[in-house]
Amino acid sequence: MKLGLILLLTILAAPSARAAQIETLTVTRVGARFGMVLDARLDVPLDDSFRVLGDFEKLPQINDAVEAVIRLDGAPPGAQRLYTRVRVCVWLFCAHLEQVQDIWPVDDGAVRGYNAAVLPELSNLRFGHARWRLHDCGGRTCLRFDAQLEPDFWVPPVIGPWAIERAMRREAIATALGIERRAAHLAAAAGTPP
């Protein structure tokens, strides 16, 4: 899930001298369900990271695996409903994660972020849930992303679970780096230091 597992997903044209620090990244599997926890430090301020993460239509600029993001009607009060299509490939095995998810903002002042819940009846996931949490770490952003997903499509038994785990790792890292790059680019365009 890239923002929701999604929510997971690099880049802007010019490479940056900055580099997100990936502190921990674990991927687990229990049966058909995959879980992931990512902790990273982004070399940009919290407000900039939060603004970039919440600009859902621009998710393809954060991670080029995100092919489409479309706002939909029907979200519960306080939420947004999004359709996302993410292309995930490992070697010659490619899959499209197509999901409709409701996304709620979280902001208690010190911690900001989003909760996302996949609607299985409108997605090719049996289950999906993700939480993005951002807080200030001395002028930088500390990011925690945790997600669980269960595909509703055939996964080749031998290589499939390994491929999904590898893709989840790659997309989580790409998304963290993409948030940092986009936030730094927007700050530079506005003439403010990141």
C-alpha atoms as a PDB file:
ATOM      1  CA  MET A   1       0.000   0.000   0.000  1.00  0.00           C
ATOM      2  CA  LYS A   2       1.465   3.249  -0.822  1.00  0.00           C
ATOM      3  CA  LEU A   3      -0.086   6.032   1.091  1.00  0.00           C
ATOM      4  CA  GLY A   4      -1.893   3.392   2.475  1.00  0.00           C
ATOM      5  CA  LEU A   5       0.592   0.927   1.136  1.00  0.00           C
ATOM      6  CA  ILE A   6       0.667   2.990  -0.922  1.00  0.00           C
ATOM      7  CA  LEU A   7       0.875   4.502  -0.282  1.00  0.00           C
ATOM      8  CA  LEU A   8       4.303   3.359  -0.765  1.00  0.00           C
ATOM      9  CA  LEU A   9       6.162   4.770  -3.797  1.00  0.00           C
ATOM     10  CA  THR A  10      11.341   8.193  -6.578  1.00  0.00           C
ATOM     11  CA  ILE A  11      11.329  10.956  -7.640  1.00  0.00           C
ATOM     12  CA  LEU A  12      12.216  14.348  -8.771  1.00  0.00           C
ATOM     13  CA  ALA A  13      14.566  15.022 -11.577  1.00  0.00           C
ATOM     14  CA  ALA A  14      17.660  16.262  -9.761  1.00  0.00           C
ATOM     15  CA  PRO A  15      19.267  14.110  -7.112  1.00  0.00           C
ATOM     16  CA  SER A  16      19.581  15.750  -3.730  1.00  0.00           C
ATOM     17  CA  ALA A  17      22.566  15.891  -1.431  1.00  0.00           C
ATOM     18  CA  ARG A  18      20.144  14.965   1.320  1.00  0.00           C
ATOM     19  CA  ALA A  19      19.380  11.402   2.160  1.00  0.00           C
ATOM     20  CA  ALA A  20      16.653  10.079   4.351  1.00  0.00           C
ATOM     21  CA  GLN A  21      18.072   7.934   7.100  1.00  0.00           C
ATOM     22  CA  ILE A  22      16.284   4.606   7.207  1.00  0.00           C
ATOM     23  CA  GLU A  23      16.541   3.597  10.847  1.00  0.00           C
ATOM     24  CA  THR A  24      14.479   0.420  10.785  1.00  0.00           C
ATOM     25  CA  LEU A  25      12.591  -1.436   8.112  1.00  0.00           C
ATOM     26  CA  THR A  26      10.979  -4.771   8.846  1.00  0.00           C
ATOM     27  CA  VAL A  27       8.683  -6.814   6.661  1.00  0.00           C
ATOM     28  CA  THR A  28       6.805  -9.773   8.110  1.00  0.00           C
ATOM     29  CA  ARG A  29       4.440 -12.378   6.761  1.00  0.00           C
ATOM     30  CA  VAL A  30       1.846 -14.445   8.568  1.00  0.00           C
ATOM     31  CA  GLY A  31      -0.055 -16.659   6.160  1.00  0.00           C
ATOM     32  CA  ALA A  32      -1.211 -14.487   3.271  1.00  0.00           C
ATOM     33  CA  ARG A  33      -0.908 -11.214   5.218  1.00  0.00           C
ATOM     34  CA  PHE A  34       2.182  -9.014   4.972  1.00  0.00           C
ATOM     35  CA  GLY A  35       3.190  -6.369   7.485  1.00  0.00           C
ATOM     36  CA  MET A  36       5.759  -3.615   7.357  1.00  0.00           C
ATOM     37  CA  VAL A  37       7.188  -1.043   9.761  1.00  0.00           C
ATOM     38  CA  LEU A  38       9.485   1.729   8.559  1.00  0.00           C
ATOM     39  CA  ASP A  39      11.187   4.319  10.776  1.00  0.00           C
ATOM     40  CA  ALA A  40      13.119   7.063   8.993  1.00  0.00           C
ATOM     41  CA  ARG A  41      14.486  10.557   9.532  1.00  0.00           C
ATOM     42  CA  LEU A  42      13.913  13.012   6.723  1.00  0.00           C
ATOM     43  CA  ASP A  43      16.175  16.034   6.369  1.00  0.00           C
ATOM     44  CA  VAL A  44      13.240  18.433   5.978  1.00  0.00           C
ATOM     45  CA  PRO A  45      10.939  20.142   8.490  1.00  0.00           C
ATOM     46  CA  LEU A  46       7.751  18.480   9.718  1.00  0.00           C
ATOM     47  CA  ASP A  47       5.383  21.001   8.086  1.00  0.00           C
ATOM     48  CA  ASP A  48       6.970  20.454   4.673  1.00  0.00           C
ATOM     49  CA  SER A  49       6.865  16.653   4.975  1.00  0.00           C
ATOM     50  CA  PHE A  50       3.232  16.685   6.078  1.00  0.00           C
ATOM     51  CA  ARG A  51       2.222  19.029   3.247  1.00  0.00           C
ATOM     52  CA  VAL A  52       3.927  16.799   0.639  1.00  0.00           C
ATOM     53  CA  LEU A  53       2.462  13.576   2.042  1.00  0.00           C
ATOM     54  CA  GLY A  54      -1.060  15.039   2.030  1.00  0.00           C
ATOM     55  CA  ASP A  55      -0.907  16.235  -1.588  1.00  0.00           C
ATOM     56  CA  PHE A  56      -2.342  12.933  -2.784  1.00  0.00           C
ATOM     57  CA  GLU A  57      -2.669  13.809  -6.469  1.00  0.00           C
ATOM     58  CA  LYS A  58       1.104  14.367  -6.553  1.00  0.00           C
ATOM     59  CA  LEU A  59       1.984  10.926  -5.129  1.00  0.00           C
ATOM     60  CA  PRO A  60       3.385   9.878  -8.549  1.00  0.00           C
ATOM     61  CA  GLN A  61       6.013  12.621  -8.075  1.00  0.00           C
ATOM     62  CA  ILE A  62       7.020  11.040  -4.767  1.00  0.00           C
ATOM     63  CA  ASN A  63       7.202   7.525  -6.169  1.00  0.00           C
ATOM     64  CA  ASP A  64       6.973   6.660  -9.853  1.00  0.00           C
ATOM     65  CA  ALA A  65       5.447   3.248  -9.062  1.00  0.00           C
ATOM     66  CA  VAL A  66       2.213   5.136  -8.337  1.00  0.00           C
ATOM     67  CA  GLU A  67       0.506   5.288 -11.724  1.00  0.00           C
ATOM     68  CA  ALA A  68      -2.833   6.859 -10.782  1.00  0.00           C
ATOM     69  CA  VAL A  69      -4.510   8.661  -7.911  1.00  0.00           C
ATOM     70  CA  ILE A  70      -8.172   9.625  -8.267  1.00  0.00           C
ATOM     71  CA  ARG A  71     -10.398  11.209  -5.621  1.00  0.00           C
ATOM     72  CA  LEU A  72     -13.743   9.475  -5.274  1.00  0.00           C
ATOM     73  CA  ASP A  73     -17.045  10.372  -3.653  1.00  0.00           C
ATOM     74  CA  GLY A  74     -18.535   8.420  -0.773  1.00  0.00           C
ATOM     75  CA  ALA A  75     -15.949   8.876   1.982  1.00  0.00           C
ATOM     76  CA  PRO A  76     -17.162   8.899   5.585  1.00  0.00           C
ATOM     77  CA  PRO A  77     -17.200  12.276   7.376  1.00  0.00           C
ATOM     78  CA  GLY A  78     -13.686  13.608   7.951  1.00  0.00           C
ATOM     79  CA  ALA A  79     -12.100  11.222   5.428  1.00  0.00           C
ATOM     80  CA  GLN A  80     -11.107  11.311   1.775  1.00  0.00           C
ATOM     81  CA  ARG A  81     -11.675   8.380  -0.557  1.00  0.00           C
ATOM     82  CA  LEU A  82      -8.946   7.646  -3.106  1.00  0.00           C
ATOM     83  CA  TYR A  83      -8.435   5.139  -5.879  1.00  0.00           C
ATOM     84  CA  THR A  84      -4.755   4.339  -6.410  1.00  0.00           C
ATOM     85  CA  ARG A  85      -3.030   2.082  -8.893  1.00  0.00           C
ATOM     86  CA  VAL A  86       0.542   1.086  -8.087  1.00  0.00           C
ATOM     87  CA  ARG A  87       2.746  -1.023 -10.346  1.00  0.00           C
ATOM     88  CA  VAL A  88       5.078  -3.271  -8.415  1.00  0.00           C
ATOM     89  CA  CYS A  89       7.707  -5.378 -10.194  1.00  0.00           C
ATOM     90  CA  VAL A  90      10.386  -7.768  -9.046  1.00  0.00           C
ATOM     91  CA  TRP A  91      12.363  -9.234 -11.915  1.00  0.00           C
ATOM     92  CA  LEU A  92       9.766 -10.251 -14.516  1.00  0.00           C
ATOM     93  CA  PHE A  93       6.922 -10.573 -12.029  1.00  0.00           C
ATOM     94  CA  CYS A  94       4.746  -7.439 -12.055  1.00  0.00           C
ATOM     95  CA  ALA A  95       1.443  -6.747 -10.405  1.00  0.00           C
ATOM     96  CA  HIS A  96      -0.871  -3.789 -10.126  1.00  0.00           C
ATOM     97  CA  LEU A  97      -2.206  -3.011  -6.688  1.00  0.00           C
ATOM     98  CA  GLU A  98      -5.539  -1.375  -7.318  1.00  0.00           C
ATOM     99  CA  GLN A  99      -7.147  -0.092  -4.212  1.00  0.00           C
ATOM    100  CA  VAL A 100      -9.831   2.200  -2.980  1.00  0.00           C
ATOM    101  CA  GLN A 101      -9.069   3.478   0.476  1.00  0.00           C
ATOM    102  CA  ASP A 102     -10.517   5.903   2.957  1.00  0.00           C
ATOM    103  CA  ILE A 103      -7.890   8.186   4.457  1.00  0.00           C
ATOM    104  CA  TRP A 104      -8.246  10.179   7.672  1.00  0.00           C
ATOM    105  CA  PRO A 105      -5.862  12.929   8.765  1.00  0.00           C
ATOM    106  CA  VAL A 106      -4.298  12.730  12.221  1.00  0.00           C
ATOM    107  CA  ASP A 107      -3.008  15.900  13.881  1.00  0.00           C
ATOM    108  CA  ASP A 108      -2.605  16.274  17.626  1.00  0.00           C
ATOM    109  CA  GLY A 109      -0.104  19.109  17.325  1.00  0.00           C
ATOM    110  CA  ALA A 110       3.041  17.089  18.035  1.00  0.00           C
ATOM    111  CA  VAL A 111       2.217  14.134  15.775  1.00  0.00           C
ATOM    112  CA  ARG A 112       0.690  14.456  12.322  1.00  0.00           C
ATOM    113  CA  GLY A 113      -0.155  11.896   9.705  1.00  0.00           C
ATOM    114  CA  TYR A 114      -2.824   9.744   8.118  1.00  0.00           C
ATOM    115  CA  ASN A 115      -4.686   6.503   8.678  1.00  0.00           C
ATOM    116  CA  ALA A 116      -5.786   4.589   5.591  1.00  0.00           C
ATOM    117  CA  ALA A 117      -8.177   1.656   5.336  1.00  0.00           C
ATOM    118  CA  VAL A 118      -8.635  -0.306   2.115  1.00  0.00           C
ATOM    119  CA  LEU A 119     -12.160  -1.107   0.955  1.00  0.00           C
ATOM    120  CA  PRO A 120     -11.683  -4.755  -0.148  1.00  0.00           C
ATOM    121  CA  GLU A 121     -14.864  -4.860  -2.222  1.00  0.00           C
ATOM    122  CA  LEU A 122     -13.416  -2.116  -4.477  1.00  0.00           C
ATOM    123  CA  SER A 123      -9.784  -3.286  -4.452  1.00  0.00           C
ATOM    124  CA  ASN A 124      -7.587  -6.240  -5.324  1.00  0.00           C
ATOM    125  CA  LEU A 125      -6.606  -6.561  -1.680  1.00  0.00           C
ATOM    126  CA  ARG A 126      -8.513  -8.669   0.833  1.00  0.00           C
ATOM    127  CA  PHE A 127      -7.244  -6.419   3.593  1.00  0.00           C
ATOM    128  CA  GLY A 128      -5.182  -3.278   3.843  1.00  0.00           C
ATOM    129  CA  HIS A 129      -4.474  -0.790   6.582  1.00  0.00           C
ATOM    130  CA  ALA A 130      -1.723   1.802   6.897  1.00  0.00           C
ATOM    131  CA  ARG A 131      -0.656   4.487   9.350  1.00  0.00           C
ATOM    132  CA  TRP A 132       1.710   7.362   8.586  1.00  0.00           C
ATOM    133  CA  ARG A 133       3.059   9.254  11.612  1.00  0.00           C
ATOM    134  CA  LEU A 134       5.306  12.303  11.412  1.00  0.00           C
ATOM    135  CA  HIS A 135       6.806  14.318  14.244  1.00  0.00           C
ATOM    136  CA  ASP A 136       9.543  16.898  14.692  1.00  0.00           C
ATOM    137  CA  CYS A 137      13.049  15.631  15.471  1.00  0.00           C
ATOM    138  CA  GLY A 138      15.115  18.751  16.054  1.00  0.00           C
ATOM    139  CA  GLY A 139      14.052  20.479  12.840  1.00  0.00           C
ATOM    140  CA  ARG A 140      13.919  17.255  10.835  1.00  0.00           C
ATOM    141  CA  THR A 141      10.993  14.891  10.363  1.00  0.00           C
ATOM    142  CA  CYS A 142      10.802  11.533  12.066  1.00  0.00           C
ATOM    143  CA  LEU A 143       8.579   9.256  10.005  1.00  0.00           C
ATOM    144  CA  ARG A 144       6.952   5.992  11.043  1.00  0.00           C
ATOM    145  CA  PHE A 145       4.965   4.026   8.490  1.00  0.00           C
ATOM    146  CA  ASP A 146       3.284   0.787   9.408  1.00  0.00           C
ATOM    147  CA  ALA A 147       1.019  -1.216   7.178  1.00  0.00           C
ATOM    148  CA  GLN A 148      -0.593  -4.582   6.710  1.00  0.00           C
ATOM    149  CA  LEU A 149      -1.938  -5.958   3.466  1.00  0.00           C
ATOM    150  CA  GLU A 150      -3.310  -9.167   2.101  1.00  0.00           C
ATOM    151  CA  PRO A 151      -3.438  -9.543  -1.695  1.00  0.00           C
ATOM    152  CA  ASP A 152      -6.603 -10.771  -3.364  1.00  0.00           C
ATOM    153  CA  PHE A 153      -4.760 -12.129  -6.381  1.00  0.00           C
ATOM    154  CA  TRP A 154      -2.678 -15.185  -7.055  1.00  0.00           C
ATOM    155  CA  VAL A 155       0.812 -15.041  -5.571  1.00  0.00           C
ATOM    156  CA  PRO A 156       3.249 -17.652  -6.950  1.00  0.00           C
ATOM    157  CA  PRO A 157       3.981 -19.924  -3.971  1.00  0.00           C
ATOM    158  CA  VAL A 158       7.780 -20.119  -4.112  1.00  0.00           C
ATOM    159  CA  ILE A 159       8.941 -16.711  -5.272  1.00  0.00           C
ATOM    160  CA  GLY A 160       5.760 -14.694  -4.688  1.00  0.00           C
ATOM    161  CA  PRO A 161       6.073 -13.986  -0.958  1.00  0.00           C
ATOM    162  CA  TRP A 162       9.751 -13.098  -1.359  1.00  0.00           C
ATOM    163  CA  ALA A 163       8.894 -10.819  -4.305  1.00  0.00           C
ATOM    164  CA  ILE A 164       6.166  -9.026  -2.344  1.00  0.00           C
ATOM    165  CA  GLU A 165       8.442  -8.527   0.670  1.00  0.00           C
ATOM    166  CA  ARG A 166      11.215  -7.186  -1.562  1.00  0.00           C
ATOM    167  CA  ALA A 167       8.817  -4.839  -3.375  1.00  0.00           C
ATOM    168  CA  MET A 168       7.399  -3.550  -0.080  1.00  0.00           C
ATOM    169  CA  ARG A 169      10.912  -2.727   1.140  1.00  0.00           C
ATOM    170  CA  ARG A 170      11.879  -0.989  -2.103  1.00  0.00           C
ATOM    171  CA  GLU A 171       8.684   1.073  -2.275  1.00  0.00           C
ATOM    172  CA  ALA A 172       8.846   2.110   1.393  1.00  0.00           C
ATOM    173  CA  ILE A 173      12.392   3.414   0.933  1.00  0.00           C
ATOM    174  CA  ALA A 174      11.499   5.097  -2.362  1.00  0.00           C
ATOM    175  CA  THR A 175       8.540   6.824  -0.747  1.00  0.00           C
ATOM    176  CA  ALA A 176      10.544   8.126   2.234  1.00  0.00           C
ATOM    177  CA  LEU A 177      13.236   9.457  -0.118  1.00  0.00           C
ATOM    178  CA  GLY A 178      10.579  10.898  -2.428  1.00  0.00           C
ATOM    179  CA  ILE A 179       8.851  12.801   0.387  1.00  0.00           C
ATOM    180  CA  GLU A 180      12.178  14.286   1.428  1.00  0.00           C
ATOM    181  CA  ARG A 181      13.162  15.220  -2.139  1.00  0.00           C
ATOM    182  CA  ARG A 182       9.822  16.799  -2.980  1.00  0.00           C
ATOM    183  CA  ALA A 183       9.688  18.758   0.296  1.00  0.00           C
ATOM    184  CA  ALA A 184      13.258  20.030  -0.260  1.00  0.00           C
ATOM    185  CA  HIS A 185      12.425  20.936  -3.882  1.00  0.00           C
ATOM    186  CA  LEU A 186       9.311  22.873  -2.849  1.00  0.00           C
ATOM    187  CA  ALA A 187      11.243  24.698  -0.126  1.00  0.00           C
ATOM    188  CA  ALA A 188      13.981  25.616  -2.608  1.00  0.00           C
ATOM    189  CA  ALA A 189      11.397  26.835  -5.135  1.00  0.00           C
ATOM    190  CA  ALA A 190       9.850  29.011  -2.419  1.00  0.00           C
ATOM    191  CA  GLY A 191      13.295  30.346  -1.455  1.00  0.00           C
ATOM    192  CA  THR A 192      13.215  28.905   2.063  1.00  0.00           C
ATOM    193  CA  PRO A 193      15.833  26.519   3.383  1.00  0.00           C
ATOM    194  CA  PRO A 194      14.538  23.001   4.066  1.00  0.00           C
END
